[in-house]
Amino acid sequence: MRIAVTRLAGKEKDDAVRCARFGHECYPVSPLRVEIREDLIAQFVAAVEADEYDCIFFTSALPAQIIAPRLIRWPRIVAIGPTTARTLEHFGIAAETLPFFYSREFVPYLGTWIRGKRIGIPRADVPNPVLIGGIRQAGGLPAEVRIYSLIPTGRELDLAGAGAVLFTSAMSFSTAAWQRDTPILKVAIGESTAAVMKDEGVLPDVTGDGSLEGALRALNEFLAARDIPAGG
């Protein structure tokens, strides 16, 4: 099946290869673009150099790609998933990886260690009150630095010939320009994205575990249950 995957322009990386493993052809569509904040990046890196953080939490691969090559020293590092961890490892930074693909798992993962610890979080200019509130409630000290903004492109998604569209984040869905009644399978990468889709009146046909592979696996299970070939 041909699948449109929401990605920032140029950030699709190995999506095509990963999709092919599940019998699909994937291509990127970009409802958002990135605007980098160099001043805040410099401030964050300086804070790391000054040992202001006991831990850094990378919530996606993009901030890891931006920050990692600028670091010469670092504290404890936690990545949200294996793709983010691999990005950090590419720059020589070993990272712990959460067991699940959701930022809400960060506090339970650290447990009582988080009390009194300063947590640096370089991320997009998108609120995450569950993460920040969870850290504070557990006794941690969150330092969220919004090193880039995500801006809607306003361009309609190219869904011509696609059998499915896979939304990789809640924001990529809510800001996307497309005909929501298009006869196409609608896939949410995980529960958070699915919840926003439902809130906006779009019921996802498939919901993954928060990872691309998990969403593709769930899609294949959906297709198999209906005797639809993956390539169909």
C-alpha atoms as a PDB file:
ATOM      1  CA  MET A   1       0.000   0.000   0.000  1.00  0.00           C
ATOM      2  CA  ARG A   2       1.158   3.535  -0.746  1.00  0.00           C
ATOM      3  CA  ILE A   3       1.226   5.521   2.508  1.00  0.00           C
ATOM      4  CA  ALA A   4       1.584   9.273   2.992  1.00  0.00           C
ATOM      5  CA  VAL A   5       3.584   9.881   6.195  1.00  0.00           C
ATOM      6  CA  THR A   6       3.587  13.320   7.814  1.00  0.00           C
ATOM      7  CA  ARG A   7       7.181  14.465   8.237  1.00  0.00           C
ATOM      8  CA  LEU A   8       9.092  17.705   8.402  1.00  0.00           C
ATOM      9  CA  ALA A   9      10.669  18.389   5.010  1.00  0.00           C
ATOM     10  CA  GLY A  10      13.991  16.547   4.762  1.00  0.00           C
ATOM     11  CA  LYS A  11      13.437  14.630   8.026  1.00  0.00           C
ATOM     12  CA  GLU A  12      11.955  11.445   6.576  1.00  0.00           C
ATOM     13  CA  LYS A  13      15.348   9.694   6.897  1.00  0.00           C
ATOM     14  CA  ASP A  14      14.893   5.937   6.385  1.00  0.00           C
ATOM     15  CA  ASP A  15      11.091   5.877   6.396  1.00  0.00           C
ATOM     16  CA  ALA A  16      10.933   4.277   2.934  1.00  0.00           C
ATOM     17  CA  VAL A  17      13.212   1.414   3.999  1.00  0.00           C
ATOM     18  CA  ARG A  18      11.335   0.874   7.242  1.00  0.00           C
ATOM     19  CA  CYS A  19       7.981   0.890   5.441  1.00  0.00           C
ATOM     20  CA  ALA A  20       9.238  -1.562   2.821  1.00  0.00           C
ATOM     21  CA  ARG A  21       9.939  -4.089   5.582  1.00  0.00           C
ATOM     22  CA  PHE A  22       6.191  -4.160   6.196  1.00  0.00           C
ATOM     23  CA  GLY A  23       5.347  -4.417   2.496  1.00  0.00           C
ATOM     24  CA  HIS A  24       4.434  -0.776   1.927  1.00  0.00           C
ATOM     25  CA  GLU A  25       5.628   2.179  -0.120  1.00  0.00           C
ATOM     26  CA  CYS A  26       5.856   5.360   1.949  1.00  0.00           C
ATOM     27  CA  TYR A  27       6.394   8.961   0.929  1.00  0.00           C
ATOM     28  CA  PRO A  28       6.538  12.160   3.025  1.00  0.00           C
ATOM     29  CA  VAL A  29       3.959  14.927   3.209  1.00  0.00           C
ATOM     30  CA  SER A  30       4.810  18.058   5.189  1.00  0.00           C
ATOM     31  CA  PRO A  31       2.065  19.952   7.011  1.00  0.00           C
ATOM     32  CA  LEU A  32       4.708  21.689   9.149  1.00  0.00           C
ATOM     33  CA  ARG A  33       8.066  23.394   8.742  1.00  0.00           C
ATOM     34  CA  VAL A  34      10.766  24.132  11.308  1.00  0.00           C
ATOM     35  CA  GLU A  35      12.016  27.518  12.451  1.00  0.00           C
ATOM     36  CA  ILE A  36      15.213  27.105  14.486  1.00  0.00           C
ATOM     37  CA  ARG A  37      15.933  29.398  17.484  1.00  0.00           C
ATOM     38  CA  GLU A  38      19.731  29.704  17.461  1.00  0.00           C
ATOM     39  CA  ASP A  39      19.735  31.997  20.511  1.00  0.00           C
ATOM     40  CA  LEU A  40      17.908  29.452  22.652  1.00  0.00           C
ATOM     41  CA  ILE A  41      20.056  26.620  21.315  1.00  0.00           C
ATOM     42  CA  ALA A  42      23.189  28.522  22.373  1.00  0.00           C
ATOM     43  CA  GLN A  43      21.675  29.173  25.811  1.00  0.00           C
ATOM     44  CA  PHE A  44      20.797  25.518  26.266  1.00  0.00           C
ATOM     45  CA  VAL A  45      24.255  24.298  25.249  1.00  0.00           C
ATOM     46  CA  ALA A  46      25.875  26.849  27.591  1.00  0.00           C
ATOM     47  CA  ALA A  47      23.688  25.583  30.433  1.00  0.00           C
ATOM     48  CA  VAL A  48      24.814  22.009  29.745  1.00  0.00           C
ATOM     49  CA  GLU A  49      28.447  23.140  29.743  1.00  0.00           C
ATOM     50  CA  ALA A  50      27.854  24.850  33.086  1.00  0.00           C
ATOM     51  CA  ASP A  51      26.496  21.613  34.608  1.00  0.00           C
ATOM     52  CA  GLU A  52      23.074  23.144  35.170  1.00  0.00           C
ATOM     53  CA  TYR A  53      21.262  19.885  34.359  1.00  0.00           C
ATOM     54  CA  ASP A  54      21.375  16.488  36.039  1.00  0.00           C
ATOM     55  CA  CYS A  55      19.611  14.892  33.080  1.00  0.00           C
ATOM     56  CA  ILE A  56      18.614  15.804  29.529  1.00  0.00           C
ATOM     57  CA  PHE A  57      15.480  14.322  28.030  1.00  0.00           C
ATOM     58  CA  PHE A  58      15.284  14.258  24.220  1.00  0.00           C
ATOM     59  CA  THR A  59      11.630  13.919  23.213  1.00  0.00           C
ATOM     60  CA  SER A  60      12.312  13.397  19.502  1.00  0.00           C
ATOM     61  CA  ALA A  61      15.147  12.920  17.039  1.00  0.00           C
ATOM     62  CA  LEU A  62      15.171  16.521  15.766  1.00  0.00           C
ATOM     63  CA  PRO A  63      16.335  18.211  18.993  1.00  0.00           C
ATOM     64  CA  ALA A  64      18.883  15.412  19.370  1.00  0.00           C
ATOM     65  CA  GLN A  65      20.172  16.154  15.874  1.00  0.00           C
ATOM     66  CA  ILE A  66      20.373  19.880  16.654  1.00  0.00           C
ATOM     67  CA  ILE A  67      21.923  19.701  20.130  1.00  0.00           C
ATOM     68  CA  ALA A  68      24.130  16.582  20.141  1.00  0.00           C
ATOM     69  CA  PRO A  69      26.882  17.793  17.760  1.00  0.00           C
ATOM     70  CA  ARG A  70      27.334  20.935  19.871  1.00  0.00           C
ATOM     71  CA  LEU A  71      27.987  19.117  23.141  1.00  0.00           C
ATOM     72  CA  ILE A  72      31.427  18.244  24.464  1.00  0.00           C
ATOM     73  CA  ARG A  73      30.138  17.067  27.848  1.00  0.00           C
ATOM     74  CA  TRP A  74      26.761  15.970  29.120  1.00  0.00           C
ATOM     75  CA  PRO A  75      24.915  14.550  32.136  1.00  0.00           C
ATOM     76  CA  ARG A  76      22.558  11.571  32.156  1.00  0.00           C
ATOM     77  CA  ILE A  77      20.798  11.325  28.794  1.00  0.00           C
ATOM     78  CA  VAL A  78      17.376   9.800  28.166  1.00  0.00           C
ATOM     79  CA  ALA A  79      15.833   9.353  24.710  1.00  0.00           C
ATOM     80  CA  ILE A  80      12.147   8.802  24.005  1.00  0.00           C
ATOM     81  CA  GLY A  81      12.750   5.963  21.552  1.00  0.00           C
ATOM     82  CA  PRO A  82      15.375   4.030  19.590  1.00  0.00           C
ATOM     83  CA  THR A  83      15.411   6.439  16.626  1.00  0.00           C
ATOM     84  CA  THR A  84      16.245   9.343  18.934  1.00  0.00           C
ATOM     85  CA  ALA A  85      18.803   7.186  20.754  1.00  0.00           C
ATOM     86  CA  ARG A  86      20.462   6.256  17.449  1.00  0.00           C
ATOM     87  CA  THR A  87      20.676   9.934  16.503  1.00  0.00           C
ATOM     88  CA  LEU A  88      22.494  10.664  19.760  1.00  0.00           C
ATOM     89  CA  GLU A  89      24.760   7.644  19.368  1.00  0.00           C
ATOM     90  CA  HIS A  90      25.720   8.906  15.907  1.00  0.00           C
ATOM     91  CA  PHE A  91      27.322  11.844  17.680  1.00  0.00           C
ATOM     92  CA  GLY A  92      28.985   9.681  20.321  1.00  0.00           C
ATOM     93  CA  ILE A  93      26.399  10.146  23.066  1.00  0.00           C
ATOM     94  CA  ALA A  94      25.111   7.000  24.747  1.00  0.00           C
ATOM     95  CA  ALA A  95      21.486   7.348  25.802  1.00  0.00           C
ATOM     96  CA  GLU A  96      19.046   5.425  27.926  1.00  0.00           C
ATOM     97  CA  THR A  97      15.805   4.687  26.077  1.00  0.00           C
ATOM     98  CA  LEU A  98      12.286   4.733  27.480  1.00  0.00           C
ATOM     99  CA  PRO A  99      10.492   1.366  27.338  1.00  0.00           C
ATOM    100  CA  PHE A 100       7.465   3.007  25.664  1.00  0.00           C
ATOM    101  CA  PHE A 101       7.177   5.733  23.020  1.00  0.00           C
ATOM    102  CA  TYR A 102       5.418   8.365  25.150  1.00  0.00           C
ATOM    103  CA  SER A 103       6.918  11.270  27.104  1.00  0.00           C
ATOM    104  CA  ARG A 104       4.566  10.516  30.002  1.00  0.00           C
ATOM    105  CA  GLU A 105       6.732   7.439  30.680  1.00  0.00           C
ATOM    106  CA  PHE A 106       9.752   9.616  31.500  1.00  0.00           C
ATOM    107  CA  VAL A 107       8.911  10.222  35.165  1.00  0.00           C
ATOM    108  CA  PRO A 108       7.999   6.589  35.962  1.00  0.00           C
ATOM    109  CA  TYR A 109      11.207   5.499  34.217  1.00  0.00           C
ATOM    110  CA  LEU A 110      13.394   7.686  36.458  1.00  0.00           C
ATOM    111  CA  GLY A 111      11.437   6.829  39.610  1.00  0.00           C
ATOM    112  CA  THR A 112      12.600   8.394  42.875  1.00  0.00           C
ATOM    113  CA  TRP A 113      15.921   9.436  41.288  1.00  0.00           C
ATOM    114  CA  ILE A 114      14.176  12.456  39.793  1.00  0.00           C
ATOM    115  CA  ARG A 115      13.616  14.178  43.153  1.00  0.00           C
ATOM    116  CA  GLY A 116      15.568  17.403  43.278  1.00  0.00           C
ATOM    117  CA  LYS A 117      17.105  16.771  39.849  1.00  0.00           C
ATOM    118  CA  ARG A 118      17.289  19.456  37.168  1.00  0.00           C
ATOM    119  CA  ILE A 119      15.898  18.117  33.889  1.00  0.00           C
ATOM    120  CA  GLY A 120      16.840  19.874  30.643  1.00  0.00           C
ATOM    121  CA  ILE A 121      14.311  19.382  27.841  1.00  0.00           C
ATOM    122  CA  PRO A 122      15.196  20.867  24.436  1.00  0.00           C
ATOM    123  CA  ARG A 123      12.083  20.603  22.303  1.00  0.00           C
ATOM    124  CA  ALA A 124       9.575  22.204  19.972  1.00  0.00           C
ATOM    125  CA  ASP A 125       7.456  25.212  20.831  1.00  0.00           C
ATOM    126  CA  VAL A 126       4.509  22.952  21.634  1.00  0.00           C
ATOM    127  CA  PRO A 127       3.079  22.686  25.169  1.00  0.00           C
ATOM    128  CA  ASN A 128       3.452  19.375  26.993  1.00  0.00           C
ATOM    129  CA  PRO A 129       1.780  20.006  30.362  1.00  0.00           C
ATOM    130  CA  VAL A 130       1.597  16.295  31.201  1.00  0.00           C
ATOM    131  CA  LEU A 131       5.381  15.926  31.018  1.00  0.00           C
ATOM    132  CA  ILE A 132       6.231  19.177  32.819  1.00  0.00           C
ATOM    133  CA  GLY A 133       3.552  18.704  35.462  1.00  0.00           C
ATOM    134  CA  GLY A 134       4.624  15.106  36.020  1.00  0.00           C
ATOM    135  CA  ILE A 135       8.244  16.113  36.606  1.00  0.00           C
ATOM    136  CA  ARG A 136       7.250  18.794  39.109  1.00  0.00           C
ATOM    137  CA  GLN A 137       4.840  16.499  40.916  1.00  0.00           C
ATOM    138  CA  ALA A 138       7.624  13.922  41.283  1.00  0.00           C
ATOM    139  CA  GLY A 139       9.910  16.543  42.819  1.00  0.00           C
ATOM    140  CA  GLY A 140      12.010  17.247  39.738  1.00  0.00           C
ATOM    141  CA  LEU A 141      12.929  20.640  38.316  1.00  0.00           C
ATOM    142  CA  PRO A 142      12.011  20.847  34.611  1.00  0.00           C
ATOM    143  CA  ALA A 143      13.859  23.308  32.375  1.00  0.00           C
ATOM    144  CA  GLU A 144      11.997  23.249  29.066  1.00  0.00           C
ATOM    145  CA  VAL A 145      13.822  25.142  26.320  1.00  0.00           C
ATOM    146  CA  ARG A 146      11.817  25.540  23.121  1.00  0.00           C
ATOM    147  CA  ILE A 147      14.662  25.556  20.622  1.00  0.00           C
ATOM    148  CA  TYR A 148      12.493  25.480  17.511  1.00  0.00           C
ATOM    149  CA  SER A 149       8.991  26.315  16.338  1.00  0.00           C
ATOM    150  CA  LEU A 150       6.701  24.214  14.174  1.00  0.00           C
ATOM    151  CA  ILE A 151       4.864  26.360  11.643  1.00  0.00           C
ATOM    152  CA  PRO A 152       2.017  25.143   9.393  1.00  0.00           C
ATOM    153  CA  THR A 153       2.998  25.138   5.733  1.00  0.00           C
ATOM    154  CA  GLY A 154      -0.584  25.668   4.600  1.00  0.00           C
ATOM    155  CA  ARG A 155      -0.001  23.337   1.653  1.00  0.00           C
ATOM    156  CA  GLU A 156      -2.609  20.670   1.048  1.00  0.00           C
ATOM    157  CA  LEU A 157      -1.339  17.155   1.630  1.00  0.00           C
ATOM    158  CA  ASP A 158      -0.603  15.232  -1.559  1.00  0.00           C
ATOM    159  CA  LEU A 159      -2.705  12.115  -1.065  1.00  0.00           C
ATOM    160  CA  ALA A 160      -3.083  11.210  -4.739  1.00  0.00           C
ATOM    161  CA  GLY A 161      -2.746   7.453  -5.146  1.00  0.00           C
ATOM    162  CA  ALA A 162      -2.285   6.844  -1.420  1.00  0.00           C
ATOM    163  CA  GLY A 163      -4.213   4.115   0.348  1.00  0.00           C
ATOM    164  CA  ALA A 164      -3.452   5.509   3.802  1.00  0.00           C
ATOM    165  CA  VAL A 165      -2.215   8.627   5.544  1.00  0.00           C
ATOM    166  CA  LEU A 166      -0.142   8.179   8.701  1.00  0.00           C
ATOM    167  CA  PHE A 167      -0.080  11.096  11.127  1.00  0.00           C
ATOM    168  CA  THR A 168       3.133  11.075  13.173  1.00  0.00           C
ATOM    169  CA  SER A 169       2.010  13.624  15.771  1.00  0.00           C
ATOM    170  CA  ALA A 170      -1.096  15.348  17.054  1.00  0.00           C
ATOM    171  CA  MET A 171       0.094  18.675  15.665  1.00  0.00           C
ATOM    172  CA  SER A 172       0.780  17.237  12.222  1.00  0.00           C
ATOM    173  CA  PHE A 173      -2.853  16.163  12.143  1.00  0.00           C
ATOM    174  CA  SER A 174      -4.459  19.286  13.595  1.00  0.00           C
ATOM    175  CA  THR A 175      -2.515  21.655  11.300  1.00  0.00           C
ATOM    176  CA  ALA A 176      -2.747  19.563   8.116  1.00  0.00           C
ATOM    177  CA  ALA A 177      -4.637  20.918   5.132  1.00  0.00           C
ATOM    178  CA  TRP A 178      -6.566  18.047   3.539  1.00  0.00           C
ATOM    179  CA  GLN A 179     -10.064  16.854   2.750  1.00  0.00           C
ATOM    180  CA  ARG A 180     -11.004  14.907   5.854  1.00  0.00           C
ATOM    181  CA  ASP A 181     -13.713  12.946   4.068  1.00  0.00           C
ATOM    182  CA  THR A 182     -11.176  11.559   1.578  1.00  0.00           C
ATOM    183  CA  PRO A 183     -11.751   7.773   1.213  1.00  0.00           C
ATOM    184  CA  ILE A 184      -8.391   6.762   2.654  1.00  0.00           C
ATOM    185  CA  LEU A 185      -7.246   4.815   5.713  1.00  0.00           C
ATOM    186  CA  LYS A 186      -6.382   7.172   8.556  1.00  0.00           C
ATOM    187  CA  VAL A 187      -3.542   5.981  10.802  1.00  0.00           C
ATOM    188  CA  ALA A 188      -2.474   7.536  14.109  1.00  0.00           C
ATOM    189  CA  ILE A 189       1.087   6.802  15.159  1.00  0.00           C
ATOM    190  CA  GLY A 190      -0.004   6.492  18.787  1.00  0.00           C
ATOM    191  CA  GLU A 191      -2.643   7.152  21.424  1.00  0.00           C
ATOM    192  CA  SER A 192      -1.980  10.884  21.827  1.00  0.00           C
ATOM    193  CA  THR A 193      -2.398  11.527  18.103  1.00  0.00           C
ATOM    194  CA  ALA A 194      -5.491   9.302  17.988  1.00  0.00           C
ATOM    195  CA  ALA A 195      -7.064  11.251  20.856  1.00  0.00           C
ATOM    196  CA  VAL A 196      -6.665  14.570  19.025  1.00  0.00           C
ATOM    197  CA  MET A 197      -8.043  13.046  15.821  1.00  0.00           C
ATOM    198  CA  LYS A 198     -11.126  11.830  17.685  1.00  0.00           C
ATOM    199  CA  ASP A 199     -11.560  15.203  19.400  1.00  0.00           C
ATOM    200  CA  GLU A 200     -11.623  16.817  15.955  1.00  0.00           C
ATOM    201  CA  GLY A 201     -14.174  14.371  14.600  1.00  0.00           C
ATOM    202  CA  VAL A 202     -11.896  11.995  12.681  1.00  0.00           C
ATOM    203  CA  LEU A 203     -11.907   8.383  13.860  1.00  0.00           C
ATOM    204  CA  PRO A 204      -8.572   6.716  13.101  1.00  0.00           C
ATOM    205  CA  ASP A 205      -8.858   3.347  11.404  1.00  0.00           C
ATOM    206  CA  VAL A 206      -5.560   2.239  12.965  1.00  0.00           C
ATOM    207  CA  THR A 207      -3.634   3.352  16.065  1.00  0.00           C
ATOM    208  CA  GLY A 208      -0.016   2.371  16.663  1.00  0.00           C
ATOM    209  CA  ASP A 209       2.155   2.258  19.768  1.00  0.00           C
ATOM    210  CA  GLY A 210       3.861   5.621  19.185  1.00  0.00           C
ATOM    211  CA  SER A 211       6.477   4.365  16.731  1.00  0.00           C
ATOM    212  CA  LEU A 212       6.451   4.136  12.935  1.00  0.00           C
ATOM    213  CA  GLU A 213       7.054   0.394  13.099  1.00  0.00           C
ATOM    214  CA  GLY A 214       4.257  -0.055  15.612  1.00  0.00           C
ATOM    215  CA  ALA A 215       1.824   1.880  13.429  1.00  0.00           C
ATOM    216  CA  LEU A 216       2.772  -0.175  10.361  1.00  0.00           C
ATOM    217  CA  ARG A 217       2.438  -3.395  12.324  1.00  0.00           C
ATOM    218  CA  ALA A 218      -1.027  -2.332  13.496  1.00  0.00           C
ATOM    219  CA  LEU A 219      -1.941  -1.377   9.928  1.00  0.00           C
ATOM    220  CA  ASN A 220      -0.936  -4.808   8.664  1.00  0.00           C
ATOM    221  CA  GLU A 221      -3.025  -6.457  11.382  1.00  0.00           C
ATOM    222  CA  PHE A 222      -5.965  -4.278  10.323  1.00  0.00           C
ATOM    223  CA  LEU A 223      -5.490  -5.258   6.670  1.00  0.00           C
ATOM    224  CA  ALA A 224      -5.042  -8.961   7.453  1.00  0.00           C
ATOM    225  CA  ALA A 225      -8.265  -8.995   9.445  1.00  0.00           C
ATOM    226  CA  ARG A 226     -10.039  -7.785   6.320  1.00  0.00           C
ATOM    227  CA  ASP A 227      -8.095 -10.009   3.890  1.00  0.00           C
ATOM    228  CA  ILE A 228      -6.546  -6.972   2.224  1.00  0.00           C
ATOM    229  CA  PRO A 229      -2.952  -7.542   1.011  1.00  0.00           C
ATOM    230  CA  ALA A 230      -0.381  -5.063   2.362  1.00  0.00           C
ATOM    231  CA  GLY A 231       0.549  -4.110  -1.173  1.00  0.00           C
ATOM    232  CA  GLY A 232      -3.064  -3.652  -2.178  1.00  0.00           C
END
